[in-house]
Protein backbone atom coordinates (compact mmCIF):
# COMPACT_ATOMS: atom_id res chain seq x y z
CA MET A 1 0.00 0.00 0.00
CA SER A 2 1.46 3.30 -1.07
CA ILE A 3 1.06 6.59 0.79
CA ARG A 4 1.13 8.58 -2.47
CA PRO A 5 -2.67 8.75 -2.97
CA TYR A 6 -3.08 10.19 0.53
CA LEU A 7 -0.47 12.87 -0.10
CA ALA A 8 -2.09 13.87 -3.38
CA TRP A 9 -5.51 14.18 -1.73
CA PRO A 10 -4.96 15.01 1.98
CA GLY A 11 -8.43 16.43 2.67
CA ALA A 12 -10.31 13.16 3.16
CA PRO A 13 -7.94 11.56 5.72
CA LEU A 14 -7.74 14.83 7.64
CA ALA A 15 -11.53 15.17 7.69
CA ILE A 16 -11.96 11.59 8.92
CA GLY A 17 -9.36 12.15 11.63
CA SER A 18 -11.04 15.38 12.70
CA ALA A 19 -14.42 13.68 12.88
CA ALA A 20 -12.98 10.84 14.99
CA LEU A 21 -11.35 13.25 17.42
CA PHE A 22 -14.52 15.34 17.64
CA GLY A 23 -16.56 12.21 18.37
CA ALA A 24 -14.09 11.10 21.04
CA SER A 25 -14.19 14.51 22.75
CA THR A 26 -17.88 14.26 23.67
CA PRO A 27 -17.59 11.32 26.13
CA LEU A 28 -14.40 12.81 27.51
CA ALA A 29 -16.08 16.17 28.06
CA LYS A 30 -19.04 14.49 29.75
CA ALA A 31 -16.69 12.60 32.08
CA LEU A 32 -14.80 15.77 32.94
CA LEU A 33 -17.98 17.74 33.61
CA GLY A 34 -19.23 14.96 35.86
CA GLY A 35 -15.92 14.97 37.71
CA GLY A 36 -16.20 18.55 38.91
CA VAL A 37 -14.68 20.52 36.04
CA SER A 38 -16.68 23.62 35.22
CA PRO A 39 -17.75 24.29 31.62
CA TRP A 40 -15.41 27.30 31.49
CA GLN A 41 -12.43 25.19 32.58
CA LEU A 42 -13.35 22.53 30.04
CA ALA A 43 -13.53 25.10 27.26
CA GLY A 44 -10.14 26.42 28.33
CA LEU A 45 -8.64 22.92 28.33
CA LEU A 46 -10.02 22.18 24.86
CA HIS A 47 -8.66 25.45 23.48
CA LEU A 48 -5.30 24.87 25.17
CA GLY A 49 -5.08 21.40 23.63
CA SER A 50 -5.93 22.80 20.23
CA GLY A 51 -3.29 25.49 20.55
CA LEU A 52 -0.63 23.02 21.66
CA GLY A 53 -1.48 20.70 18.77
CA LEU A 54 -1.25 23.51 16.23
CA ALA A 55 2.03 24.71 17.76
CA GLY A 56 3.41 21.19 17.32
CA VAL A 57 2.34 21.09 13.69
CA TYR A 58 3.86 24.53 13.13
CA ALA A 59 7.15 23.48 14.76
CA LEU A 60 7.35 20.31 12.67
CA ARG A 61 6.70 22.24 9.47
CA ARG A 62 9.43 24.73 10.36
CA LEU A 63 11.92 21.94 11.08
CA ARG A 64 11.30 20.28 7.72
CA PRO A 65 10.59 23.01 5.16
CA ARG A 66 9.25 22.02 1.77
CA PRO A 67 11.06 23.02 -1.38
CA SER A 68 9.48 25.91 -3.26
CA LEU A 69 7.21 24.97 -6.15
CA GLU A 70 7.79 28.32 -7.83
CA ALA A 71 10.78 29.35 -9.88
CA PRO A 72 13.13 31.86 -8.27
CA VAL A 73 12.93 35.48 -9.40
CA ALA A 74 15.60 36.24 -11.97
CA GLY A 75 17.36 39.59 -12.39
CA GLY A 76 15.32 40.60 -15.44
CA ASP A 77 11.98 39.73 -13.77
CA ARG A 78 12.12 42.51 -11.17
């Protein structure tokens, strides 16, 4: 099985992963609310987790930059 089709069309796997994580968050949120966490604290925890996840993705993308798909600007193009 090759990973090439997934790289050419990344939207579907990302959408399925997002849906799975969203579905898993509901029982977790219910358990946290039943355990004494206020709705405001839960919202803060969910936003914090989202921010940390995006910071991780950003850091990984900075560590491994992609080559440019555009041609460099030549002297006569300016």
